[in-house]
Amino acid sequence: MSVELNGMTELINSLQRLGHNVNEVEDKALDAGANIVKEEVIANVPERTGNLKENIKVSDVKNGKIEIHTGNAYYGMFLEFGSSKMQPQPFMEPSFHNVKGDVENKMAEVIRRELNL
């Protein structure tokens, strides 16, 4: 699942122009937002054995992006998107949409705190 928040790039560029080293701040903000999404995904994952729930992972922050994925639970993709033999049971995308506002607020809070704004 890949998510892009509008305005983050512009904010980071503006802060860099002001002389702030924002890479660490950006990483902290993205990590805080990703953890909110991860917890929501875990709460909404279809559960049969518990294996999928245990394998929800957040990738390292790279180039201002984070990926939340089903780790080694390959079948999570089939639940999310369906297959020729089963209907989709999406849990990743709906989870993000459930907490998008919370993610944006938490990221803004972290940025303000880290930059003493």
C-alpha atoms as a PDB file:
ATOM      1  CA  MET A   1       0.000   0.000   0.000  1.00  0.00           C
ATOM      2  CA  SER A   2       1.393   3.374  -0.928  1.00  0.00           C
ATOM      3  CA  VAL A   3      -0.005   6.608   0.447  1.00  0.00           C
ATOM      4  CA  GLU A   4       0.860  10.167  -0.434  1.00  0.00           C
ATOM      5  CA  LEU A   5      -0.130  13.083   1.760  1.00  0.00           C
ATOM      6  CA  ASN A   6      -0.552  16.301  -0.155  1.00  0.00           C
ATOM      7  CA  GLY A   7       1.488  19.239   1.018  1.00  0.00           C
ATOM      8  CA  MET A   8       4.247  17.316   2.811  1.00  0.00           C
ATOM      9  CA  THR A   9       6.821  17.934   0.067  1.00  0.00           C
ATOM     10  CA  GLU A  10       6.035  21.639  -0.009  1.00  0.00           C
ATOM     11  CA  LEU A  11       6.298  21.866   3.783  1.00  0.00           C
ATOM     12  CA  ILE A  12       9.665  20.088   3.832  1.00  0.00           C
ATOM     13  CA  ASN A  13      11.009  22.306   1.024  1.00  0.00           C
ATOM     14  CA  SER A  14       9.861  25.459   2.842  1.00  0.00           C
ATOM     15  CA  LEU A  15      11.509  24.365   6.076  1.00  0.00           C
ATOM     16  CA  GLN A  16      14.758  23.556   4.273  1.00  0.00           C
ATOM     17  CA  ARG A  17      14.755  27.030   2.703  1.00  0.00           C
ATOM     18  CA  LEU A  18      14.454  28.451   6.217  1.00  0.00           C
ATOM     19  CA  GLY A  19      17.618  26.580   7.169  1.00  0.00           C
ATOM     20  CA  HIS A  20      16.155  23.682   9.116  1.00  0.00           C
ATOM     21  CA  ASN A  21      17.656  20.223   8.697  1.00  0.00           C
ATOM     22  CA  VAL A  22      14.364  18.427   8.360  1.00  0.00           C
ATOM     23  CA  ASN A  23      15.338  14.876   7.401  1.00  0.00           C
ATOM     24  CA  GLU A  24      15.200  13.638  10.982  1.00  0.00           C
ATOM     25  CA  VAL A  25      12.006  15.588  11.670  1.00  0.00           C
ATOM     26  CA  GLU A  26      10.417  14.218   8.512  1.00  0.00           C
ATOM     27  CA  ASP A  27      11.349  10.662   9.491  1.00  0.00           C
ATOM     28  CA  LYS A  28       9.866  11.074  12.979  1.00  0.00           C
ATOM     29  CA  ALA A  29       6.638  12.543  11.589  1.00  0.00           C
ATOM     30  CA  LEU A  30       6.256   9.819   8.971  1.00  0.00           C
ATOM     31  CA  ASP A  31       6.996   7.119  11.535  1.00  0.00           C
ATOM     32  CA  ALA A  32       4.375   8.508  13.934  1.00  0.00           C
ATOM     33  CA  GLY A  33       1.782   8.596  11.146  1.00  0.00           C
ATOM     34  CA  ALA A  34       2.681   5.104   9.950  1.00  0.00           C
ATOM     35  CA  ASN A  35       2.194   3.657  13.413  1.00  0.00           C
ATOM     36  CA  ILE A  36      -1.356   5.012  13.532  1.00  0.00           C
ATOM     37  CA  VAL A  37      -2.141   3.370  10.188  1.00  0.00           C
ATOM     38  CA  LYS A  38      -0.458   0.112  11.221  1.00  0.00           C
ATOM     39  CA  GLU A  39      -2.565  -0.149  14.374  1.00  0.00           C
ATOM     40  CA  GLU A  40      -5.751   0.491  12.381  1.00  0.00           C
ATOM     41  CA  VAL A  41      -4.772  -2.134   9.801  1.00  0.00           C
ATOM     42  CA  ILE A  42      -4.135  -4.657  12.583  1.00  0.00           C
ATOM     43  CA  ALA A  43      -7.542  -3.872  14.067  1.00  0.00           C
ATOM     44  CA  ASN A  44      -9.271  -4.427  10.704  1.00  0.00           C
ATOM     45  CA  VAL A  45      -7.385  -7.388   9.266  1.00  0.00           C
ATOM     46  CA  PRO A  46      -9.594 -10.411   8.520  1.00  0.00           C
ATOM     47  CA  GLU A  47      -8.568 -12.985  11.064  1.00  0.00           C
ATOM     48  CA  ARG A  48      -8.543 -16.697  10.559  1.00  0.00           C
ATOM     49  CA  THR A  49      -5.276 -17.886  12.073  1.00  0.00           C
ATOM     50  CA  GLY A  50      -3.780 -14.628  13.378  1.00  0.00           C
ATOM     51  CA  ASN A  51      -0.741 -15.013  11.118  1.00  0.00           C
ATOM     52  CA  LEU A  52      -1.640 -12.060   8.913  1.00  0.00           C
ATOM     53  CA  LYS A  53      -2.227  -9.777  11.903  1.00  0.00           C
ATOM     54  CA  GLU A  54       1.199 -10.694  13.287  1.00  0.00           C
ATOM     55  CA  ASN A  55       2.878  -9.894   9.969  1.00  0.00           C
ATOM     56  CA  ILE A  56       1.705  -6.317   9.388  1.00  0.00           C
ATOM     57  CA  LYS A  57       4.962  -4.375   9.060  1.00  0.00           C
ATOM     58  CA  VAL A  58       6.113  -0.812   8.527  1.00  0.00           C
ATOM     59  CA  SER A  59       9.119  -0.501   6.215  1.00  0.00           C
ATOM     60  CA  ASP A  60      11.952   1.849   6.978  1.00  0.00           C
ATOM     61  CA  VAL A  61      11.435   5.464   6.029  1.00  0.00           C
ATOM     62  CA  LYS A  62      13.126   6.112   2.686  1.00  0.00           C
ATOM     63  CA  ASN A  63      12.975   9.293   0.636  1.00  0.00           C
ATOM     64  CA  GLY A  64       9.990  10.605   2.558  1.00  0.00           C
ATOM     65  CA  LYS A  65       7.917   7.454   2.068  1.00  0.00           C
ATOM     66  CA  ILE A  66       6.808   4.580   4.245  1.00  0.00           C
ATOM     67  CA  GLU A  67       5.268   1.302   3.178  1.00  0.00           C
ATOM     68  CA  ILE A  68       2.913  -0.714   5.312  1.00  0.00           C
ATOM     69  CA  HIS A  69       2.719  -4.285   4.108  1.00  0.00           C
ATOM     70  CA  THR A  70       1.761  -7.804   5.101  1.00  0.00           C
ATOM     71  CA  GLY A  71       5.326  -8.998   5.582  1.00  0.00           C
ATOM     72  CA  ASN A  72       5.732 -12.658   4.742  1.00  0.00           C
ATOM     73  CA  ALA A  73       1.970 -13.226   4.773  1.00  0.00           C
ATOM     74  CA  TYR A  74       1.753 -13.220   0.986  1.00  0.00           C
ATOM     75  CA  TYR A  75      -1.965 -14.031   0.988  1.00  0.00           C
ATOM     76  CA  GLY A  76      -2.762 -10.576   2.405  1.00  0.00           C
ATOM     77  CA  MET A  77      -2.605  -9.281  -1.163  1.00  0.00           C
ATOM     78  CA  PHE A  78      -5.322 -11.722  -2.206  1.00  0.00           C
ATOM     79  CA  LEU A  79      -7.543 -10.671   0.683  1.00  0.00           C
ATOM     80  CA  GLU A  80      -7.105  -6.995  -0.191  1.00  0.00           C
ATOM     81  CA  PHE A  81      -7.627  -7.313  -3.944  1.00  0.00           C
ATOM     82  CA  GLY A  82      -9.379 -10.665  -4.368  1.00  0.00           C
ATOM     83  CA  SER A  83      -8.525 -13.382  -6.839  1.00  0.00           C
ATOM     84  CA  SER A  84     -10.242 -15.350  -9.564  1.00  0.00           C
ATOM     85  CA  LYS A  85     -11.705 -17.549  -6.824  1.00  0.00           C
ATOM     86  CA  MET A  86     -12.570 -15.053  -4.094  1.00  0.00           C
ATOM     87  CA  GLN A  87     -14.010 -11.626  -3.649  1.00  0.00           C
ATOM     88  CA  PRO A  88     -11.774  -8.900  -2.211  1.00  0.00           C
ATOM     89  CA  GLN A  89     -11.910  -8.264   1.522  1.00  0.00           C
ATOM     90  CA  PRO A  90     -10.048  -4.949   1.658  1.00  0.00           C
ATOM     91  CA  PHE A  91      -8.546  -3.968   4.987  1.00  0.00           C
ATOM     92  CA  MET A  92      -5.465  -1.877   4.141  1.00  0.00           C
ATOM     93  CA  GLU A  93      -6.995   0.961   2.140  1.00  0.00           C
ATOM     94  CA  PRO A  94     -10.135   1.318   4.287  1.00  0.00           C
ATOM     95  CA  SER A  95      -7.935   1.391   7.389  1.00  0.00           C
ATOM     96  CA  PHE A  96      -5.917   4.289   5.987  1.00  0.00           C
ATOM     97  CA  HIS A  97      -9.051   6.230   5.098  1.00  0.00           C
ATOM     98  CA  ASN A  98     -10.418   5.640   8.622  1.00  0.00           C
ATOM     99  CA  VAL A  99      -7.428   7.369  10.237  1.00  0.00           C
ATOM    100  CA  LYS A 100      -6.175   9.768   7.562  1.00  0.00           C
ATOM    101  CA  GLY A 101      -7.139  12.839   9.583  1.00  0.00           C
ATOM    102  CA  ASP A 102      -5.492  11.416  12.713  1.00  0.00           C
ATOM    103  CA  VAL A 103      -2.329  10.696  10.729  1.00  0.00           C
ATOM    104  CA  GLU A 104      -2.173  14.240   9.358  1.00  0.00           C
ATOM    105  CA  ASN A 105      -2.759  15.719  12.827  1.00  0.00           C
ATOM    106  CA  LYS A 106      -0.115  13.515  14.464  1.00  0.00           C
ATOM    107  CA  MET A 107       2.446  14.320  11.786  1.00  0.00           C
ATOM    108  CA  ALA A 108       1.775  18.043  12.161  1.00  0.00           C
ATOM    109  CA  GLU A 109       2.098  17.706  15.949  1.00  0.00           C
ATOM    110  CA  VAL A 110       5.467  15.962  15.634  1.00  0.00           C
ATOM    111  CA  ILE A 111       6.760  18.562  13.172  1.00  0.00           C
ATOM    112  CA  ARG A 112       5.669  21.442  15.428  1.00  0.00           C
ATOM    113  CA  ARG A 113       7.206  19.803  18.493  1.00  0.00           C
ATOM    114  CA  GLU A 114      10.500  18.940  16.806  1.00  0.00           C
ATOM    115  CA  LEU A 115      10.891  22.407  15.279  1.00  0.00           C
ATOM    116  CA  ASN A 116       9.732  24.206  18.435  1.00  0.00           C
ATOM    117  CA  LEU A 117       6.932  25.947  16.560  1.00  0.00           C
END
